[in-house]
Structure formats: C-alpha cells, structure tokens
C-alpha cells in the first residue's frame, strides 16, 4: 500500500532541493530533511555557468514507494539549459530522510 503522505513529502523535498540547487533556497532550510552528503552533492553540482538564479527548474516529479520503509523519486529538471533526470531515495528512520540524490 502506498503512503500518500510519504509520497507527497518526498515530492516536496525534491522540489526544495531543486530550489537549493538554483540558489533560491538556503541549504539550511532542508538540512533536517536530507543526509549531509545530499547537500554536499548539490553544492558540487553547478546550476549554471555563473552561479546565479534560474539555472535549475523542476519540470516533473514521480514518487513511488517500493516498500514500506522506502520512497524513490524520479524527476525531470532543466539544468544549464538541458533537460536532465534526477533521482532521489528516501528512507524512514524517525522521519523520512533523503539519503541520496543524483542528476543523470
């Protein structure tokens, strides 16, 4: 059975991570929702050539729950003028935490 709240939360978190990538949102606003390695990865991934707003935009998001303790998200983002895939995985500990993010 799919947990609608978990799916919604994961989709919202991915949207916030794209905002962090685009520098429209401070990483401090999402640090309780993600593993620290997620923020390190996003900081290392330039949104555009000059580091300004507008380089990253969420186009679509599709969360699924393969089992009770995990949510996976496949998303499409515009990054540096190109459409790219973004994948994220979430695990349930005390709360849902984004464990990994990758832009492909």
Protein backbone atom coordinates (compact mmCIF):
# COMPACT_ATOMS: atom_id res chain seq x y z
CA UNK A 1 0.00 0.00 0.00
CA UNK A 2 1.34 3.41 -0.98
CA UNK A 3 1.64 6.01 1.79
CA UNK A 4 0.23 9.19 0.21
CA UNK A 5 1.78 11.43 2.88
CA UNK A 6 5.23 9.90 2.33
CA UNK A 7 4.94 10.30 -1.45
CA UNK A 8 3.82 13.92 -1.11
CA UNK A 9 6.60 14.70 1.38
CA UNK A 10 9.24 13.18 -0.91
CA UNK A 11 7.97 15.17 -3.91
CA UNK A 12 8.02 18.39 -1.87
CA UNK A 13 11.54 17.68 -0.62
CA UNK A 14 12.78 17.13 -4.19
CA UNK A 15 11.21 20.45 -5.22
CA UNK A 16 13.01 22.15 -2.33
CA UNK A 17 16.30 20.51 -3.33
CA UNK A 18 15.94 21.91 -6.85
CA UNK A 19 15.41 25.33 -5.22
CA UNK A 20 18.65 24.81 -3.27
CA UNK A 21 20.41 23.84 -6.49
CA UNK A 22 19.10 27.03 -8.10
CA UNK A 23 20.15 29.08 -5.03
CA UNK A 24 16.57 30.24 -4.42
CA UNK A 25 16.52 28.41 -1.07
CA UNK A 26 19.15 28.19 1.64
CA UNK A 27 20.54 24.70 2.30
CA UNK A 28 19.82 25.32 6.00
CA UNK A 29 16.10 25.10 5.22
CA UNK A 30 16.37 21.47 4.15
CA UNK A 31 19.19 20.11 6.30
CA UNK A 32 16.78 18.29 8.63
CA UNK A 33 15.20 16.53 5.62
CA UNK A 34 18.38 15.19 3.99
CA UNK A 35 21.55 13.31 4.76
CA UNK A 36 24.55 15.72 4.80
CA UNK A 37 26.02 14.03 1.69
CA UNK A 38 22.98 15.23 -0.30
CA UNK A 39 23.81 18.88 0.39
CA UNK A 40 27.50 18.28 -0.40
CA UNK A 41 26.47 16.77 -3.73
CA UNK A 42 24.18 19.70 -4.58
CA UNK A 43 26.88 22.24 -3.71
CA UNK A 44 29.30 20.47 -6.05
CA UNK A 45 26.79 20.50 -8.92
CA UNK A 46 26.71 23.92 -10.62
CA UNK A 47 23.25 25.03 -11.71
CA UNK A 48 24.60 27.34 -14.39
CA UNK A 49 27.87 28.76 -15.65
CA UNK A 50 27.87 31.88 -13.48
CA UNK A 51 26.19 30.62 -10.29
CA UNK A 52 23.06 32.78 -10.46
CA UNK A 53 19.34 32.03 -10.12
CA UNK A 54 17.43 30.43 -12.97
CA UNK A 55 19.84 27.65 -13.82
CA UNK A 56 17.71 24.83 -12.37
CA UNK A 57 13.98 24.20 -12.67
CA UNK A 58 11.81 21.23 -11.74
CA UNK A 59 9.81 20.01 -14.74
CA UNK A 60 8.17 16.84 -13.38
CA UNK A 61 8.30 14.60 -10.33
CA UNK A 62 7.18 10.98 -9.84
CA UNK A 63 7.46 9.43 -6.37
CA UNK A 64 6.90 5.71 -5.79
CA UNK A 65 7.03 3.56 -2.69
CA UNK A 66 8.62 0.17 -3.49
CA UNK A 67 8.26 -0.95 0.14
CA UNK A 68 7.02 0.37 3.48
CA UNK A 69 10.34 1.94 4.54
CA UNK A 70 11.47 3.49 1.26
CA UNK A 71 10.37 6.07 -1.28
CA UNK A 72 12.10 6.65 -4.61
CA UNK A 73 11.62 9.72 -6.77
CA UNK A 74 12.27 10.13 -10.48
CA UNK A 75 12.17 13.72 -11.65
CA UNK A 76 12.97 15.77 -14.69
CA UNK A 77 14.83 19.06 -14.28
CA UNK A 78 16.10 21.75 -16.59
CA UNK A 79 19.74 22.28 -15.65
CA UNK A 80 22.04 24.64 -17.52
CA UNK A 81 19.57 24.74 -20.39
CA UNK A 82 19.29 20.96 -20.76
CA UNK A 83 16.62 18.53 -19.63
CA UNK A 84 18.17 16.06 -17.16
CA UNK A 85 16.92 13.21 -14.98
CA UNK A 86 17.11 13.50 -11.20
CA UNK A 87 16.71 10.51 -8.91
CA UNK A 88 16.35 10.55 -5.13
CA UNK A 89 15.89 7.90 -2.48
CA UNK A 90 14.25 8.33 0.91
CA UNK A 91 14.33 6.05 3.93
CA UNK A 92 12.16 6.02 7.00
CA UNK A 93 14.02 6.26 10.30
CA UNK A 94 12.36 8.50 12.88
CA UNK A 95 11.13 10.53 9.89
CA UNK A 96 11.59 10.43 6.10
CA UNK A 97 15.15 11.39 5.16
CA UNK A 98 16.53 11.88 1.64
CA UNK A 99 19.54 9.55 1.58
CA UNK A 100 20.75 10.12 -1.99
CA UNK A 101 20.25 12.44 -4.94
CA UNK A 102 21.81 12.14 -8.38
CA UNK A 103 21.44 14.16 -11.56
CA UNK A 104 21.96 11.96 -14.61
